[in-house]
Full PDB file with SEQRES, HELIX, SHEET, SSBOND, CRYST1, ORIGX, SCALE, CONECT and MASTER records, all heavy atoms in Angstrom:
SEQRES   1 A   43  LYS THR LEU LYS ASN LEU LEU SER ARG GLU VAL TYR ASP          
SEQRES   2 A   43  GLY PHE VAL ALA ALA ILE SER ASP ARG GLU ALA LYS SER          
SEQRES   3 A   43  GLU LYS ILE GLN SER SER PHE VAL GLY ILE ASP LYS ALA          
SEQRES   4 A   43  ASP ILE VAL SER                                              
HELIX    1 AA1 LEU A    3  ASN A    5  5                                   3    
HELIX    2 AA2 ARG A    9  ALA A   24  1                                  16    
CRYST1    1.000    1.000    1.000  90.00  90.00  90.00 P 1           1          
ORIGX1      1.000000  0.000000  0.000000        0.00000                         
ORIGX2      0.000000  1.000000  0.000000        0.00000                         
ORIGX3      0.000000  0.000000  1.000000        0.00000                         
SCALE1      1.000000  0.000000  0.000000        0.00000                         
SCALE2      0.000000  1.000000  0.000000        0.00000                         
SCALE3      0.000000  0.000000  1.000000        0.00000                         
ATOM      1  N   LYS A   1     151.834  21.626 210.663  1.00  0.00           N  
ATOM      2  CA  LYS A   1     151.933  20.887 211.784  1.00  0.00           C  
ATOM      3  C   LYS A   1     153.242  20.535 212.420  1.00  0.00           C  
ATOM      4  O   LYS A   1     153.470  20.563 213.619  1.00  0.00           O  
ATOM      5  CB  LYS A   1     151.093  19.614 211.691  1.00  0.00           C  
ATOM      6  CG  LYS A   1     150.784  18.774 212.880  1.00  0.00           C  
ATOM      7  CD  LYS A   1     149.976  17.528 212.656  1.00  0.00           C  
ATOM      8  CE  LYS A   1     149.744  16.720 213.954  1.00  0.00           C  
ATOM      9  NZ  LYS A   1     148.965  15.545 213.707  1.00  0.00           N  
ATOM     10  N   THR A   2     154.068  20.069 211.552  1.00  0.00           N  
ATOM     11  CA  THR A   2     155.473  19.675 211.917  1.00  0.00           C  
ATOM     12  C   THR A   2     156.101  20.899 212.333  1.00  0.00           C  
ATOM     13  O   THR A   2     156.922  20.929 213.349  1.00  0.00           O  
ATOM     14  CB  THR A   2     156.189  19.040 210.967  1.00  0.00           C  
ATOM     15  OG1 THR A   2     155.548  17.723 210.525  1.00  0.00           O  
ATOM     16  CG2 THR A   2     157.601  18.694 211.117  1.00  0.00           C  
ATOM     17  N   LEU A   3     156.149  21.954 211.648  1.00  0.00           N  
ATOM     18  CA  LEU A   3     156.747  23.301 211.877  1.00  0.00           C  
ATOM     19  C   LEU A   3     156.404  23.777 213.356  1.00  0.00           C  
ATOM     20  O   LEU A   3     157.201  24.357 214.106  1.00  0.00           O  
ATOM     21  CB  LEU A   3     156.450  24.231 210.864  1.00  0.00           C  
ATOM     22  CG  LEU A   3     157.113  23.962 209.411  1.00  0.00           C  
ATOM     23  CD1 LEU A   3     156.587  25.051 208.470  1.00  0.00           C  
ATOM     24  CD2 LEU A   3     158.584  24.005 209.658  1.00  0.00           C  
ATOM     25  N   LYS A   4     155.143  23.728 213.667  1.00  0.00           N  
ATOM     26  CA  LYS A   4     154.594  24.239 214.750  1.00  0.00           C  
ATOM     27  C   LYS A   4     155.257  23.531 216.087  1.00  0.00           C  
ATOM     28  O   LYS A   4     155.472  24.188 217.117  1.00  0.00           O  
ATOM     29  CB  LYS A   4     153.010  24.091 215.011  1.00  0.00           C  
ATOM     30  CG  LYS A   4     152.469  24.780 216.042  1.00  0.00           C  
ATOM     31  CD  LYS A   4     150.901  24.704 215.970  1.00  0.00           C  
ATOM     32  CE  LYS A   4     150.209  25.573 217.015  1.00  0.00           C  
ATOM     33  NZ  LYS A   4     148.810  25.672 216.985  1.00  0.00           N  
ATOM     34  N   ASN A   5     155.549  22.299 215.970  1.00  0.00           N  
ATOM     35  CA  ASN A   5     156.221  21.549 217.119  1.00  0.00           C  
ATOM     36  C   ASN A   5     157.716  21.841 217.130  1.00  0.00           C  
ATOM     37  O   ASN A   5     158.305  21.598 218.163  1.00  0.00           O  
ATOM     38  CB  ASN A   5     156.074  20.054 216.952  1.00  0.00           C  
ATOM     39  CG  ASN A   5     154.659  19.592 216.890  1.00  0.00           C  
ATOM     40  OD1 ASN A   5     153.869  20.212 217.727  1.00  0.00           O  
ATOM     41  ND2 ASN A   5     154.264  18.565 216.313  1.00  0.00           N  
ATOM     42  N   LEU A   6     158.293  22.581 216.123  1.00  0.00           N  
ATOM     43  CA  LEU A   6     159.687  22.670 216.090  1.00  0.00           C  
ATOM     44  C   LEU A   6     160.120  24.194 216.112  1.00  0.00           C  
ATOM     45  O   LEU A   6     161.304  24.440 216.458  1.00  0.00           O  
ATOM     46  CB  LEU A   6     160.399  22.022 214.884  1.00  0.00           C  
ATOM     47  CG  LEU A   6     160.167  20.491 214.686  1.00  0.00           C  
ATOM     48  CD1 LEU A   6     160.599  20.136 213.363  1.00  0.00           C  
ATOM     49  CD2 LEU A   6     161.005  19.709 215.843  1.00  0.00           C  
ATOM     50  N   LEU A   7     159.211  25.038 215.944  1.00  0.00           N  
ATOM     51  CA  LEU A   7     159.513  26.514 215.786  1.00  0.00           C  
ATOM     52  C   LEU A   7     158.835  27.304 216.966  1.00  0.00           C  
ATOM     53  O   LEU A   7     157.880  26.871 217.574  1.00  0.00           O  
ATOM     54  CB  LEU A   7     159.076  27.045 214.664  1.00  0.00           C  
ATOM     55  CG  LEU A   7     159.391  26.294 213.355  1.00  0.00           C  
ATOM     56  CD1 LEU A   7     158.832  26.998 212.119  1.00  0.00           C  
ATOM     57  CD2 LEU A   7     160.954  26.167 213.147  1.00  0.00           C  
ATOM     58  N   SER A   8     159.611  28.347 217.538  1.00  0.00           N  
ATOM     59  CA  SER A   8     158.954  29.298 218.180  1.00  0.00           C  
ATOM     60  C   SER A   8     157.851  29.965 217.645  1.00  0.00           C  
ATOM     61  O   SER A   8     157.689  29.872 216.419  1.00  0.00           O  
ATOM     62  CB  SER A   8     160.093  30.284 218.776  1.00  0.00           C  
ATOM     63  OG  SER A   8     160.421  31.168 217.634  1.00  0.00           O  
ATOM     64  N   ARG A   9     157.038  30.654 218.510  1.00  0.00           N  
ATOM     65  CA  ARG A   9     155.912  31.409 217.780  1.00  0.00           C  
ATOM     66  C   ARG A   9     156.275  32.290 216.783  1.00  0.00           C  
ATOM     67  O   ARG A   9     155.653  32.345 215.704  1.00  0.00           O  
ATOM     68  CB  ARG A   9     154.998  31.917 218.932  1.00  0.00           C  
ATOM     69  CG  ARG A   9     153.806  32.670 218.352  1.00  0.00           C  
ATOM     70  CD  ARG A   9     152.871  31.555 217.753  1.00  0.00           C  
ATOM     71  NE  ARG A   9     151.613  32.156 217.047  1.00  0.00           N  
ATOM     72  CZ  ARG A   9     150.430  32.235 217.843  1.00  0.00           C  
ATOM     73  NH1 ARG A   9     150.444  31.869 219.055  1.00  0.00           N  
ATOM     74  NH2 ARG A   9     149.526  32.772 217.258  1.00  0.00           N  
ATOM     75  N   GLU A  10     157.125  33.176 216.978  1.00  0.00           N  
ATOM     76  CA  GLU A  10     157.692  34.169 216.040  1.00  0.00           C  
ATOM     77  C   GLU A  10     158.124  33.600 214.797  1.00  0.00           C  
ATOM     78  O   GLU A  10     157.783  34.112 213.678  1.00  0.00           O  
ATOM     79  CB  GLU A  10     158.751  35.112 216.786  1.00  0.00           C  
ATOM     80  CG  GLU A  10     158.318  35.927 217.898  1.00  0.00           C  
ATOM     81  CD  GLU A  10     158.085  35.045 219.166  1.00  0.00           C  
ATOM     82  OE1 GLU A  10     158.621  33.781 219.246  1.00  0.00           O  
ATOM     83  OE2 GLU A  10     157.462  35.560 220.161  1.00  0.00           O  
ATOM     84  N   VAL A  11     159.051  32.620 215.004  1.00  0.00           N  
ATOM     85  CA  VAL A  11     159.687  31.981 213.742  1.00  0.00           C  
ATOM     86  C   VAL A  11     158.515  31.198 212.937  1.00  0.00           C  
ATOM     87  O   VAL A  11     158.360  31.256 211.719  1.00  0.00           O  
ATOM     88  CB  VAL A  11     160.801  31.035 214.011  1.00  0.00           C  
ATOM     89  CG1 VAL A  11     161.235  30.321 212.755  1.00  0.00           C  
ATOM     90  CG2 VAL A  11     161.938  31.818 214.699  1.00  0.00           C  
ATOM     91  N   TYR A  12     157.578  30.579 213.636  1.00  0.00           N  
ATOM     92  CA  TYR A  12     156.488  29.852 213.021  1.00  0.00           C  
ATOM     93  C   TYR A  12     155.665  30.832 212.227  1.00  0.00           C  
ATOM     94  O   TYR A  12     155.292  30.454 211.099  1.00  0.00           O  
ATOM     95  CB  TYR A  12     155.724  29.203 214.076  1.00  0.00           C  
ATOM     96  CG  TYR A  12     154.429  28.410 213.548  1.00  0.00           C  
ATOM     97  CD1 TYR A  12     154.537  27.319 212.889  1.00  0.00           C  
ATOM     98  CD2 TYR A  12     153.229  29.145 213.700  1.00  0.00           C  
ATOM     99  CE1 TYR A  12     153.317  26.729 212.428  1.00  0.00           C  
ATOM    100  CE2 TYR A  12     152.025  28.463 213.108  1.00  0.00           C  
ATOM    101  CZ  TYR A  12     152.151  27.134 212.554  1.00  0.00           C  
ATOM    102  OH  TYR A  12     150.990  26.632 212.044  1.00  0.00           O  
ATOM    103  N   ASP A  13     155.378  31.914 212.738  1.00  0.00           N  
ATOM    104  CA  ASP A  13     154.473  32.885 212.057  1.00  0.00           C  
ATOM    105  C   ASP A  13     155.126  33.414 210.797  1.00  0.00           C  
ATOM    106  O   ASP A  13     154.557  33.565 209.668  1.00  0.00           O  
ATOM    107  CB  ASP A  13     154.166  34.184 212.981  1.00  0.00           C  
ATOM    108  CG  ASP A  13     153.279  33.776 214.061  1.00  0.00           C  
ATOM    109  OD1 ASP A  13     152.669  32.704 213.937  1.00  0.00           O  
ATOM    110  OD2 ASP A  13     153.178  34.552 215.013  1.00  0.00           O  
ATOM    111  N   GLY A  14     156.583  33.573 210.804  1.00  0.00           N  
ATOM    112  CA  GLY A  14     157.254  33.979 209.670  1.00  0.00           C  
ATOM    113  C   GLY A  14     157.244  32.871 208.498  1.00  0.00           C  
ATOM    114  O   GLY A  14     156.983  33.046 207.304  1.00  0.00           O  
ATOM    115  N   PHE A  15     157.455  31.690 208.926  1.00  0.00           N  
ATOM    116  CA  PHE A  15     157.446  30.510 207.985  1.00  0.00           C  
ATOM    117  C   PHE A  15     156.099  30.321 207.339  1.00  0.00           C  
ATOM    118  O   PHE A  15     155.910  30.191 206.157  1.00  0.00           O  
ATOM    119  CB  PHE A  15     157.801  29.229 208.763  1.00  0.00           C  
ATOM    120  CG  PHE A  15     159.395  29.052 208.745  1.00  0.00           C  
ATOM    121  CD1 PHE A  15     160.191  30.051 209.113  1.00  0.00           C  
ATOM    122  CD2 PHE A  15     159.862  27.769 208.516  1.00  0.00           C  
ATOM    123  CE1 PHE A  15     161.637  29.891 209.214  1.00  0.00           C  
ATOM    124  CE2 PHE A  15     161.321  27.630 208.552  1.00  0.00           C  
ATOM    125  CZ  PHE A  15     162.080  28.563 208.909  1.00  0.00           C  
ATOM    126  N   VAL A  16     155.026  30.344 208.257  1.00  0.00           N  
ATOM    127  CA  VAL A  16     153.645  30.186 207.790  1.00  0.00           C  
ATOM    128  C   VAL A  16     153.274  31.333 206.760  1.00  0.00           C  
ATOM    129  O   VAL A  16     152.575  31.175 205.703  1.00  0.00           O  
ATOM    130  CB  VAL A  16     152.665  30.119 208.929  1.00  0.00           C  
ATOM    131  CG1 VAL A  16     151.266  30.276 208.401  1.00  0.00           C  
ATOM    132  CG2 VAL A  16     152.819  28.908 209.584  1.00  0.00           C  
ATOM    133  N   ALA A  17     153.657  32.572 206.996  1.00  0.00           N  
ATOM    134  CA  ALA A  17     153.433  33.684 206.094  1.00  0.00           C  
ATOM    135  C   ALA A  17     153.968  33.458 204.807  1.00  0.00           C  
ATOM    136  O   ALA A  17     153.317  33.702 203.797  1.00  0.00           O  
ATOM    137  CB  ALA A  17     154.008  34.984 206.827  1.00  0.00           C  
ATOM    138  N   ALA A  18     155.218  32.920 204.744  1.00  0.00           N  
ATOM    139  CA  ALA A  18     155.908  32.603 203.410  1.00  0.00           C  
ATOM    140  C   ALA A  18     155.170  31.503 202.757  1.00  0.00           C  
ATOM    141  O   ALA A  18     155.091  31.483 201.526  1.00  0.00           O  
ATOM    142  CB  ALA A  18     157.403  32.276 203.693  1.00  0.00           C  
ATOM    143  N   ILE A  19     154.772  30.491 203.436  1.00  0.00           N  
ATOM    144  CA  ILE A  19     154.072  29.489 202.927  1.00  0.00           C  
ATOM    145  C   ILE A  19     152.717  29.690 202.231  1.00  0.00           C  
ATOM    146  O   ILE A  19     152.239  29.515 201.182  1.00  0.00           O  
ATOM    147  CB  ILE A  19     153.920  28.174 203.950  1.00  0.00           C  
ATOM    148  CG1 ILE A  19     155.202  27.568 204.379  1.00  0.00           C  
ATOM    149  CG2 ILE A  19     152.866  27.169 203.398  1.00  0.00           C  
ATOM    150  CD1 ILE A  19     155.130  26.580 205.395  1.00  0.00           C  
ATOM    151  N   SER A  20     151.974  30.615 202.993  1.00  0.00           N  
ATOM    152  CA  SER A  20     150.664  31.128 202.665  1.00  0.00           C  
ATOM    153  C   SER A  20     150.880  31.899 201.362  1.00  0.00           C  
ATOM    154  O   SER A  20     150.059  31.849 200.370  1.00  0.00           O  
ATOM    155  CB  SER A  20     150.044  31.902 203.631  1.00  0.00           C  
ATOM    156  OG  SER A  20     149.829  31.084 204.807  1.00  0.00           O  
ATOM    157  N   ASP A  21     151.892  32.849 201.339  1.00  0.00           N  
ATOM    158  CA  ASP A  21     152.181  33.577 200.143  1.00  0.00           C  
ATOM    159  C   ASP A  21     152.432  32.706 198.882  1.00  0.00           C  
ATOM    160  O   ASP A  21     152.028  33.024 197.827  1.00  0.00           O  
ATOM    161  CB  ASP A  21     153.294  34.599 200.416  1.00  0.00           C  
ATOM    162  CG  ASP A  21     153.674  35.418 199.192  1.00  0.00           C  
ATOM    163  OD1 ASP A  21     152.756  36.325 198.820  1.00  0.00           O  
ATOM    164  OD2 ASP A  21     154.729  35.387 198.596  1.00  0.00           O  
ATOM    165  N   ARG A  22     153.177  31.679 199.161  1.00  0.00           N  
ATOM    166  CA  ARG A  22     153.540  30.804 198.017  1.00  0.00           C  
ATOM    167  C   ARG A  22     152.232  29.996 197.540  1.00  0.00           C  
ATOM    168  O   ARG A  22     152.085  29.867 196.334  1.00  0.00           O  
ATOM    169  CB  ARG A  22     154.585  29.675 198.660  1.00  0.00           C  
ATOM    170  CG  ARG A  22     155.198  28.832 197.544  1.00  0.00           C  
ATOM    171  CD  ARG A  22     156.371  28.003 198.192  1.00  0.00           C  
ATOM    172  NE  ARG A  22     155.733  26.964 199.177  1.00  0.00           N  
ATOM    173  CZ  ARG A  22     156.245  26.576 200.188  1.00  0.00           C  
ATOM    174  NH1 ARG A  22     157.425  27.097 200.648  1.00  0.00           N  
ATOM    175  NH2 ARG A  22     155.723  25.615 200.857  1.00  0.00           N  
ATOM    176  N   GLU A  23     151.434  29.646 198.384  1.00  0.00           N  
ATOM    177  CA  GLU A  23     150.248  29.004 198.083  1.00  0.00           C  
ATOM    178  C   GLU A  23     149.363  29.829 197.350  1.00  0.00           C  
ATOM    179  O   GLU A  23     148.623  29.373 196.418  1.00  0.00           O  
ATOM    180  CB  GLU A  23     149.615  28.348 199.266  1.00  0.00           C  
ATOM    181  CG  GLU A  23     150.387  27.190 200.054  1.00  0.00           C  
ATOM    182  CD  GLU A  23     149.748  26.836 201.304  1.00  0.00           C  
ATOM    183  OE1 GLU A  23     149.009  27.479 201.879  1.00  0.00           O  
ATOM    184  OE2 GLU A  23     150.067  25.614 201.772  1.00  0.00           O  
ATOM    185  N   ALA A  24     149.149  31.024 197.681  1.00  0.00           N  
ATOM    186  CA  ALA A  24     148.242  31.979 197.136  1.00  0.00           C  
ATOM    187  C   ALA A  24     148.685  32.306 195.677  1.00  0.00           C  
ATOM    188  O   ALA A  24     147.963  32.523 194.738  1.00  0.00           O  
ATOM    189  CB  ALA A  24     148.352  33.364 198.006  1.00  0.00           C  
ATOM    190  N   LYS A  25     150.087  32.071 195.387  1.00  0.00           N  
ATOM    191  CA  LYS A  25     150.518  32.232 193.948  1.00  0.00           C  
ATOM    192  C   LYS A  25     150.544  30.912 193.250  1.00  0.00           C  
ATOM    193  O   LYS A  25     150.987  30.807 192.139  1.00  0.00           O  
ATOM    194  CB  LYS A  25     151.962  32.783 194.016  1.00  0.00           C  
ATOM    195  CG  LYS A  25     152.023  34.217 194.577  1.00  0.00           C  
ATOM    196  CD  LYS A  25     153.498  34.594 194.641  1.00  0.00           C  
ATOM    197  CE  LYS A  25     153.534  36.133 195.256  1.00  0.00           C  
ATOM    198  NZ  LYS A  25     154.976  36.484 195.428  1.00  0.00           N  
ATOM    199  N   SER A  26     150.190  29.737 193.856  1.00  0.00           N  
ATOM    200  CA  SER A  26     150.118  28.451 193.306  1.00  0.00           C  
ATOM    201  C   SER A  26     151.481  28.033 192.957  1.00  0.00           C  
ATOM    202  O   SER A  26     151.778  27.269 192.021  1.00  0.00           O  
ATOM    203  CB  SER A  26     149.208  28.407 192.131  1.00  0.00           C  
ATOM    204  OG  SER A  26     147.882  28.694 192.452  1.00  0.00           O  
ATOM    205  N   GLU A  27     152.468  28.403 193.792  1.00  0.00           N  
ATOM    206  CA  GLU A  27     153.954  28.011 193.629  1.00  0.00           C  
ATOM    207  C   GLU A  27     154.097  26.847 194.429  1.00  0.00           C  
ATOM    208  O   GLU A  27     153.572  26.677 195.480  1.00  0.00           O  
ATOM    209  CB  GLU A  27     154.746  29.122 193.893  1.00  0.00           C  
ATOM    210  CG  GLU A  27     154.639  30.317 192.981  1.00  0.00           C  
ATOM    211  CD  GLU A  27     155.604  31.475 193.336  1.00  0.00           C  
ATOM    212  OE1 GLU A  27     156.186  31.518 194.457  1.00  0.00           O  
ATOM    213  OE2 GLU A  27     155.596  32.537 192.489  1.00  0.00           O  
ATOM    214  N   LYS A  28     155.010  26.003 193.994  1.00  0.00           N  
ATOM    215  CA  LYS A  28     155.348  24.786 194.842  1.00  0.00           C  
ATOM    216  C   LYS A  28     156.990  24.650 194.791  1.00  0.00           C  
ATOM    217  O   LYS A  28     157.697  24.976 193.834  1.00  0.00           O  
ATOM    218  CB  LYS A  28     154.823  23.505 194.198  1.00  0.00           C  
ATOM    219  CG  LYS A  28     153.205  23.455 194.355  1.00  0.00           C  
ATOM    220  CD  LYS A  28     152.814  22.101 193.908  1.00  0.00           C  
ATOM    221  CE  LYS A  28     151.321  21.981 193.913  1.00  0.00           C  
ATOM    222  NZ  LYS A  28     150.750  20.715 193.444  1.00  0.00           N  
ATOM    223  N   ILE A  29     157.460  24.174 195.981  1.00  0.00           N  
ATOM    224  CA  ILE A  29     158.940  23.930 196.016  1.00  0.00           C  
ATOM    225  C   ILE A  29     159.122  22.437 195.830  1.00  0.00           C  
ATOM    226  O   ILE A  29     158.568  21.653 196.606  1.00  0.00           O  
ATOM    227  CB  ILE A  29     159.389  24.418 197.489  1.00  0.00           C  
ATOM    228  CG1 ILE A  29     159.371  25.930 197.515  1.00  0.00           C  
ATOM    229  CG2 ILE A  29     160.970  23.941 197.597  1.00  0.00           C  
ATOM    230  CD1 ILE A  29     159.881  26.507 198.860  1.00  0.00           C  
ATOM    231  N   GLN A  30     160.034  22.167 194.948  1.00  0.00           N  
ATOM    232  CA  GLN A  30     160.548  20.653 194.820  1.00  0.00           C  
ATOM    233  C   GLN A  30     161.803  20.631 195.321  1.00  0.00           C  
ATOM    234  O   GLN A  30     162.812  21.226 195.069  1.00  0.00           O  
ATOM    235  CB  GLN A  30     160.613  20.492 193.177  1.00  0.00           C  
ATOM    236  CG  GLN A  30     161.151  19.145 192.875  1.00  0.00           C  
ATOM    237  CD  GLN A  30     161.358  18.950 191.409  1.00  0.00           C  
ATOM    238  OE1 GLN A  30     160.838  19.630 190.522  1.00  0.00           O  
ATOM    239  NE2 GLN A  30     162.155  17.877 191.084  1.00  0.00           N  
ATOM    240  N   SER A  31     161.957  19.863 196.445  1.00  0.00           N  
ATOM    241  CA  SER A  31     163.124  19.879 197.420  1.00  0.00           C  
ATOM    242  C   SER A  31     163.585  18.435 197.724  1.00  0.00           C  
ATOM    243  O   SER A  31     162.643  17.565 197.917  1.00  0.00           O  
ATOM    244  CB  SER A  31     162.924  20.720 198.526  1.00  0.00           C  
ATOM    245  OG  SER A  31     164.051  20.709 199.279  1.00  0.00           O  
ATOM    246  N   SER A  32     164.824  18.178 197.616  1.00  0.00           N  
ATOM    247  CA  SER A  32     165.486  16.888 198.155  1.00  0.00           C  
ATOM    248  C   SER A  32     166.625  17.303 199.043  1.00  0.00           C  
ATOM    249  O   SER A  32     167.511  17.893 198.666  1.00  0.00           O  
ATOM    250  CB  SER A  32     165.871  16.160 196.863  1.00  0.00           C  
ATOM    251  OG  SER A  32     166.464  14.943 197.246  1.00  0.00           O  
ATOM    252  N   PHE A  33     166.496  16.691 200.199  1.00  0.00           N  
ATOM    253  CA  PHE A  33     167.623  16.938 201.205  1.00  0.00           C  
ATOM    254  C   PHE A  33     168.723  15.936 200.952  1.00  0.00           C  
ATOM    255  O   PHE A  33     168.453  14.757 200.975  1.00  0.00           O  
ATOM    256  CB  PHE A  33     167.094  16.921 202.573  1.00  0.00           C  
ATOM    257  CG  PHE A  33     168.080  17.473 203.605  1.00  0.00           C  
ATOM    258  CD1 PHE A  33     167.961  18.742 203.954  1.00  0.00           C  
ATOM    259  CD2 PHE A  33     168.813  16.544 204.286  1.00  0.00           C  
ATOM    260  CE1 PHE A  33     168.934  19.213 204.974  1.00  0.00           C  
ATOM    261  CE2 PHE A  33     169.759  16.979 205.333  1.00  0.00           C  
ATOM    262  CZ  PHE A  33     169.867  18.306 205.594  1.00  0.00           C  
ATOM    263  N   VAL A  34     169.959  16.442 200.666  1.00  0.00           N  
ATOM    264  CA  VAL A  34     171.162  15.491 200.442  1.00  0.00           C  
ATOM    265  C   VAL A  34     171.741  15.201 201.704  1.00  0.00           C  
ATOM    266  O   VAL A  34     172.063  13.979 201.969  1.00  0.00           O  
ATOM    267  CB  VAL A  34     172.088  16.120 199.447  1.00  0.00           C  
ATOM    268  CG1 VAL A  34     173.305  15.205 199.234  1.00  0.00           C  
ATOM    269  CG2 VAL A  34     171.415  16.448 198.121  1.00  0.00           C  
ATOM    270  N   GLY A  35     172.056  16.170 202.589  1.00  0.00           N  
ATOM    271  CA  GLY A  35     172.842  15.924 203.829  1.00  0.00           C  
ATOM    272  C   GLY A  35     173.411  17.083 204.427  1.00  0.00           C  
ATOM    273  O   GLY A  35     173.468  18.181 203.810  1.00  0.00           O  
ATOM    274  N   ILE A  36     173.951  16.968 205.575  1.00  0.00           N  
ATOM    275  CA  ILE A  36     174.641  18.014 206.348  1.00  0.00           C  
ATOM    276  C   ILE A  36     176.125  17.725 206.366  1.00  0.00           C  
ATOM    277  O   ILE A  36     176.608  16.659 206.869  1.00  0.00           O  
ATOM    278  CB  ILE A  36     174.136  18.047 207.809  1.00  0.00           C  
ATOM    279  CG1 ILE A  36     172.595  18.543 207.831  1.00  0.00           C  
ATOM    280  CG2 ILE A  36     174.903  19.141 208.535  1.00  0.00           C  
ATOM    281  CD1 ILE A  36     171.978  18.617 209.166  1.00  0.00           C  
ATOM    282  N   ASP A  37     176.934  18.673 206.032  1.00  0.00           N  
ATOM    283  CA  ASP A  37     178.383  18.582 205.939  1.00  0.00           C  
ATOM    284  C   ASP A  37     178.852  19.016 207.246  1.00  0.00           C  
ATOM    285  O   ASP A  37     179.911  18.347 207.723  1.00  0.00           O  
ATOM    286  CB  ASP A  37     178.950  19.457 204.721  1.00  0.00           C  
ATOM    287  CG  ASP A  37     178.634  18.954 203.336  1.00  0.00           C  
ATOM    288  OD1 ASP A  37     178.245  17.754 203.230  1.00  0.00           O  
ATOM    289  OD2 ASP A  37     178.498  19.806 202.485  1.00  0.00           O  
ATOM    290  N   LYS A  38     178.464  20.047 207.882  1.00  0.00           N  
ATOM    291  CA  LYS A  38     179.001  20.537 209.168  1.00  0.00           C  
ATOM    292  C   LYS A  38     177.829  21.150 209.978  1.00  0.00           C  
ATOM    293  O   LYS A  38     176.897  21.677 209.400  1.00  0.00           O  
ATOM    294  CB  LYS A  38     179.977  21.664 208.931  1.00  0.00           C  
ATOM    295  CG  LYS A  38     181.394  21.208 208.230  1.00  0.00           C  
ATOM    296  CD  LYS A  38     182.284  22.287 208.169  1.00  0.00           C  
ATOM    297  CE  LYS A  38     183.655  21.848 207.676  1.00  0.00           C  
ATOM    298  NZ  LYS A  38     184.687  23.052 207.442  1.00  0.00           N  
ATOM    299  N   ALA A  39     177.927  20.913 211.233  1.00  0.00           N  
ATOM    300  CA  ALA A  39     177.021  21.598 212.242  1.00  0.00           C  
ATOM    301  C   ALA A  39     177.877  21.862 213.315  1.00  0.00           C  
ATOM    302  O   ALA A  39     178.104  21.049 214.260  1.00  0.00           O  
ATOM    303  CB  ALA A  39     175.864  20.602 212.436  1.00  0.00           C  
ATOM    304  N   ASP A  40     178.170  23.123 213.601  1.00  0.00           N  
ATOM    305  CA  ASP A  40     179.030  23.514 214.643  1.00  0.00           C  
ATOM    306  C   ASP A  40     178.327  24.558 215.497  1.00  0.00           C  
ATOM    307  O   ASP A  40     177.673  25.568 215.016  1.00  0.00           O  
ATOM    308  CB  ASP A  40     180.360  24.248 214.130  1.00  0.00           C  
ATOM    309  CG  ASP A  40     181.091  23.145 213.262  1.00  0.00           C  
ATOM    310  OD1 ASP A  40     181.226  22.061 213.665  1.00  0.00           O  
ATOM    311  OD2 ASP A  40     181.697  23.616 212.246  1.00  0.00           O  
ATOM    312  N   ILE A  41     178.578  24.425 216.903  1.00  0.00           N  
ATOM    313  CA  ILE A  41     177.980  25.307 217.791  1.00  0.00           C  
ATOM    314  C   ILE A  41     178.986  26.467 217.843  1.00  0.00           C  
ATOM    315  O   ILE A  41     180.178  26.449 217.949  1.00  0.00           O  
ATOM    316  CB  ILE A  41     177.981  24.780 219.219  1.00  0.00           C  
ATOM    317  CG1 ILE A  41     176.931  23.601 219.343  1.00  0.00           C  
ATOM    318  CG2 ILE A  41     177.534  25.883 220.239  1.00  0.00           C  
ATOM    319  CD1 ILE A  41     176.824  23.041 220.657  1.00  0.00           C  
ATOM    320  N   VAL A  42     178.418  27.759 217.601  1.00  0.00           N  
ATOM    321  CA  VAL A  42     179.217  28.958 217.549  1.00  0.00           C  
ATOM    322  C   VAL A  42     179.115  29.814 218.864  1.00  0.00           C  
ATOM    323  O   VAL A  42     179.930  30.581 219.122  1.00  0.00           O  
ATOM    324  CB  VAL A  42     179.009  29.703 216.315  1.00  0.00           C  
ATOM    325  CG1 VAL A  42     179.453  28.960 215.119  1.00  0.00           C  
ATOM    326  CG2 VAL A  42     177.531  30.179 216.221  1.00  0.00           C  
ATOM    327  N   SER A  43     177.888  29.661 219.522  1.00  0.00           N  
ATOM    328  CA  SER A  43     177.773  30.374 220.710  1.00  0.00           C  
ATOM    329  C   SER A  43     176.670  29.747 221.608  1.00  0.00           C  
ATOM    330  O   SER A  43     175.801  28.959 221.078  1.00  0.00           O  
ATOM    331  CB  SER A  43     177.423  31.818 220.545  1.00  0.00           C  
ATOM    332  OG  SER A  43     176.088  31.904 219.859  1.00  0.00           O  
TER     333      SER A  43                                                      
MASTER        0    0    0    2    0    0    0    6  332    1    0    4          
END                                                                             
């Protein structure tokens, strides 16, 4: 749901495909976001 609001249709489909594949294998990602060091516009 969150991804759908933030991604274009093409990127969303790619992300969902990877999530579905992970779920089919009963795999889980344990993740903790620490922070962003840099964020620069390049173009």
